[in-house]
Amino acid sequence: AVIAFAANGTQNPDAFVVINIGKDKKVNVHVKGTGAKTFRAFRTSDSGKELYANAGEFAVKNGALLYDCPGGTVTTFFAN
């Protein structure tokens, strides 16, 4: 599942959340409505190994962001 939030004129950054309750998978997220070229990600896992851990910075290329999404995780991406 993916949930997205637009800054919409506020001081908050554009953001989206990727929820993977299944197995590890490669996710190609199409990003629209933002001028952001990169997003910083933070991940929490159901195993307890990660709790809002830095998952890195991801570039938007050709309108999409590629993410190797571990199973049982929730990852939040914030526009830089």
N, C-alpha and C. Protein backbone atom coordinates (compact mmCIF):
# COMPACT_ATOMS: atom_id res chain seq x y z
N ALA A 1 0.84 -1.18 0.00
CA ALA A 1 0.00 0.00 0.00
C ALA A 1 0.88 1.24 0.00
N VAL A 2 0.39 2.29 -0.64
CA VAL A 2 1.10 3.57 -0.66
C VAL A 2 0.11 4.65 -0.26
N ILE A 3 0.55 5.54 0.63
CA ILE A 3 -0.24 6.69 1.07
C ILE A 3 0.60 7.93 0.81
N ALA A 4 0.03 8.96 0.19
CA ALA A 4 0.81 10.15 -0.15
C ALA A 4 0.22 11.40 0.49
N PHE A 5 1.11 12.36 0.78
CA PHE A 5 0.72 13.63 1.41
C PHE A 5 1.41 14.77 0.67
N ALA A 6 0.66 15.77 0.25
CA ALA A 6 1.23 16.93 -0.43
C ALA A 6 1.43 18.06 0.57
N ALA A 7 2.49 18.82 0.37
CA ALA A 7 2.76 19.98 1.22
C ALA A 7 1.61 20.98 1.12
N ASN A 8 1.09 21.15 -0.08
CA ASN A 8 -0.09 21.99 -0.32
C ASN A 8 0.04 23.38 0.31
N GLY A 9 1.19 24.01 0.13
CA GLY A 9 1.39 25.37 0.63
C GLY A 9 1.77 25.47 2.10
N THR A 10 1.91 24.34 2.79
CA THR A 10 2.30 24.36 4.20
C THR A 10 3.82 24.26 4.30
N GLN A 11 4.34 24.30 5.51
CA GLN A 11 5.78 24.14 5.74
C GLN A 11 6.20 22.67 5.76
N ASN A 12 5.23 21.76 5.71
CA ASN A 12 5.52 20.33 5.72
C ASN A 12 5.98 19.89 4.33
N PRO A 13 6.91 18.93 4.27
CA PRO A 13 7.37 18.46 2.96
C PRO A 13 6.37 17.51 2.32
N ASP A 14 6.45 17.39 0.98
CA ASP A 14 5.71 16.32 0.32
C ASP A 14 6.23 15.01 0.90
N ALA A 15 5.37 14.04 1.04
CA ALA A 15 5.79 12.77 1.65
C ALA A 15 4.89 11.64 1.16
N PHE A 16 5.41 10.42 1.26
CA PHE A 16 4.58 9.24 1.01
C PHE A 16 5.08 8.09 1.87
N VAL A 17 4.20 7.12 2.10
CA VAL A 17 4.49 5.97 2.95
C VAL A 17 4.26 4.70 2.14
N VAL A 18 5.23 3.79 2.18
CA VAL A 18 5.09 2.50 1.53
C VAL A 18 4.97 1.43 2.62
N ILE A 19 3.89 0.67 2.57
CA ILE A 19 3.63 -0.38 3.56
C ILE A 19 3.71 -1.72 2.85
N ASN A 20 4.59 -2.60 3.35
CA ASN A 20 4.75 -3.93 2.75
C ASN A 20 4.53 -4.99 3.83
N ILE A 21 3.35 -5.60 3.83
CA ILE A 21 3.06 -6.65 4.81
C ILE A 21 3.43 -8.03 4.26
N GLY A 22 3.91 -8.06 3.01
CA GLY A 22 4.29 -9.32 2.37
C GLY A 22 5.78 -9.57 2.41
N LYS A 23 6.28 -10.17 1.33
CA LYS A 23 7.69 -10.52 1.19
C LYS A 23 8.47 -9.35 0.61
N ASP A 24 9.81 -9.48 0.62
CA ASP A 24 10.68 -8.48 0.01
C ASP A 24 10.27 -8.29 -1.45
N LYS A 25 10.28 -7.04 -1.91
CA LYS A 25 9.94 -6.78 -3.31
C LYS A 25 10.54 -5.47 -3.77
N LYS A 26 10.78 -5.37 -5.06
CA LYS A 26 11.22 -4.12 -5.68
C LYS A 26 9.97 -3.33 -6.01
N VAL A 27 9.97 -2.05 -5.60
CA VAL A 27 8.81 -1.20 -5.80
C VAL A 27 9.22 -0.02 -6.67
N ASN A 28 8.45 0.25 -7.70
CA ASN A 28 8.67 1.39 -8.57
C ASN A 28 7.54 2.38 -8.29
N VAL A 29 7.84 3.43 -7.52
CA VAL A 29 6.83 4.40 -7.11
C VAL A 29 6.84 5.57 -8.10
N HIS A 30 5.72 5.79 -8.78
CA HIS A 30 5.59 6.93 -9.69
C HIS A 30 5.23 8.16 -8.87
N VAL A 31 6.06 9.19 -8.97
CA VAL A 31 5.92 10.39 -8.16
C VAL A 31 5.39 11.53 -9.04
N LYS A 32 4.26 12.12 -8.63
CA LYS A 32 3.66 13.24 -9.37
C LYS A 32 3.29 14.35 -8.40
N GLY A 33 3.24 15.56 -8.91
CA GLY A 33 2.76 16.69 -8.11
C GLY A 33 3.78 17.28 -7.16
N THR A 34 5.06 16.96 -7.35
CA THR A 34 6.11 17.52 -6.51
C THR A 34 7.28 17.94 -7.39
N GLY A 35 8.01 18.92 -6.93
CA GLY A 35 9.22 19.33 -7.63
C GLY A 35 10.46 18.66 -7.07
N ALA A 36 10.28 17.83 -6.06
CA ALA A 36 11.41 17.18 -5.39
C ALA A 36 12.13 16.23 -6.33
N LYS A 37 13.45 16.29 -6.30
CA LYS A 37 14.28 15.40 -7.10
C LYS A 37 14.80 14.23 -6.28
N THR A 38 14.78 14.37 -4.94
CA THR A 38 15.21 13.30 -4.04
C THR A 38 14.27 13.23 -2.84
N PHE A 39 14.22 12.04 -2.24
CA PHE A 39 13.45 11.81 -1.01
C PHE A 39 14.33 11.08 -0.01
N ARG A 40 14.27 11.46 1.25
CA ARG A 40 14.97 10.77 2.33
C ARG A 40 13.96 9.82 2.96
N ALA A 41 14.40 8.58 3.23
CA ALA A 41 13.50 7.55 3.74
C ALA A 41 13.88 7.09 5.14
N PHE A 42 12.85 6.71 5.91
CA PHE A 42 13.00 6.17 7.26
C PHE A 42 12.09 4.95 7.36
N ARG A 43 12.64 3.86 7.94
CA ARG A 43 11.93 2.58 7.92
C ARG A 43 11.76 2.00 9.32
N THR A 44 10.60 1.37 9.52
CA THR A 44 10.30 0.62 10.73
C THR A 44 9.89 -0.79 10.31
N SER A 45 10.41 -1.81 11.04
CA SER A 45 10.10 -3.20 10.69
C SER A 45 9.27 -3.86 11.78
N ASP A 46 8.48 -4.84 11.37
CA ASP A 46 7.66 -5.56 12.35
C ASP A 46 8.50 -6.50 13.21
N SER A 47 9.74 -6.76 12.80
CA SER A 47 10.63 -7.63 13.58
C SER A 47 11.23 -6.88 14.77
N GLY A 48 11.13 -5.56 14.75
CA GLY A 48 11.71 -4.75 15.83
C GLY A 48 13.17 -4.40 15.60
N LYS A 49 13.77 -4.87 14.50
CA LYS A 49 15.17 -4.57 14.21
C LYS A 49 15.37 -3.12 13.81
N GLU A 50 14.35 -2.51 13.23
CA GLU A 50 14.43 -1.11 12.81
C GLU A 50 13.27 -0.34 13.42
N LEU A 51 13.58 0.83 13.93
CA LEU A 51 12.56 1.71 14.47
C LEU A 51 12.84 3.12 13.96
N TYR A 52 12.15 3.49 12.89
CA TYR A 52 12.35 4.77 12.22
C TYR A 52 13.83 4.97 11.87
N ALA A 53 14.44 3.91 11.34
CA ALA A 53 15.86 3.91 10.97
C ALA A 53 16.06 4.59 9.61
N ASN A 54 17.17 5.25 9.46
CA ASN A 54 17.51 5.90 8.21
C ASN A 54 17.65 4.83 7.13
N ALA A 55 16.83 4.94 6.08
CA ALA A 55 16.86 3.96 4.98
C ALA A 55 17.52 4.54 3.73
N GLY A 56 18.02 5.77 3.83
CA GLY A 56 18.77 6.35 2.73
C GLY A 56 18.04 7.43 1.98
N GLU A 57 18.71 7.90 0.92
CA GLU A 57 18.17 8.94 0.05
C GLU A 57 17.95 8.33 -1.33
N PHE A 58 16.83 8.67 -1.94
CA PHE A 58 16.44 8.07 -3.21
C PHE A 58 16.14 9.16 -4.23
N ALA A 59 16.69 8.99 -5.42
CA ALA A 59 16.49 9.96 -6.50
C ALA A 59 15.24 9.61 -7.31
N VAL A 60 14.55 10.66 -7.75
CA VAL A 60 13.43 10.50 -8.66
C VAL A 60 14.01 10.59 -10.08
N LYS A 61 13.86 9.53 -10.84
CA LYS A 61 14.37 9.49 -12.22
C LYS A 61 13.23 9.13 -13.15
N ASN A 62 13.06 9.97 -14.16
CA ASN A 62 11.97 9.77 -15.13
C ASN A 62 10.61 9.65 -14.43
N GLY A 63 10.42 10.44 -13.37
CA GLY A 63 9.14 10.49 -12.67
C GLY A 63 8.87 9.34 -11.73
N ALA A 64 9.90 8.54 -11.43
CA ALA A 64 9.69 7.40 -10.53
C ALA A 64 10.88 7.19 -9.61
N LEU A 65 10.63 6.47 -8.55
CA LEU A 65 11.64 6.16 -7.55
C LEU A 65 11.65 4.64 -7.37
N LEU A 66 12.82 4.03 -7.46
CA LEU A 66 12.93 2.58 -7.30
C LEU A 66 13.39 2.27 -5.88
N TYR A 67 12.68 1.35 -5.21
CA TYR A 67 12.98 1.03 -3.82
C TYR A 67 12.91 -0.48 -3.60
N ASP A 68 13.96 -1.06 -3.04
CA ASP A 68 13.96 -2.46 -2.62
C ASP A 68 13.32 -2.51 -1.25
N CYS A 69 12.07 -2.93 -1.21
CA CYS A 69 11.26 -2.84 0.01
C CYS A 69 11.26 -4.18 0.76
N PRO A 70 11.88 -4.20 1.95
CA PRO A 70 11.87 -5.43 2.74
C PRO A 70 10.45 -5.78 3.20
N GLY A 71 10.18 -7.07 3.33
CA GLY A 71 8.88 -7.50 3.82
C GLY A 71 8.68 -7.09 5.28
N GLY A 72 7.44 -6.84 5.65
CA GLY A 72 7.12 -6.50 7.03
C GLY A 72 7.64 -5.14 7.47
N THR A 73 7.63 -4.18 6.54
CA THR A 73 8.14 -2.85 6.88
C THR A 73 7.18 -1.74 6.47
N VAL A 74 7.36 -0.61 7.12
CA VAL A 74 6.69 0.63 6.76
C VAL A 74 7.80 1.65 6.54
N THR A 75 7.82 2.26 5.35
CA THR A 75 8.87 3.22 5.02
C THR A 75 8.23 4.55 4.66
N THR A 76 8.71 5.62 5.30
CA THR A 76 8.21 6.96 5.04
C THR A 76 9.28 7.72 4.26
N PHE A 77 8.86 8.35 3.16
CA PHE A 77 9.74 9.14 2.30
C PHE A 77 9.36 10.60 2.40
N PHE A 78 10.36 11.45 2.69
CA PHE A 78 10.15 12.90 2.78
C PHE A 78 10.93 13.60 1.69
N ALA A 79 10.28 14.53 0.99
CA ALA A 79 10.96 15.30 -0.06
C ALA A 79 12.08 16.12 0.55
N ASN A 80 13.21 16.16 -0.14
CA ASN A 80 14.35 16.99 0.29
C ASN A 80 14.19 18.39 -0.26
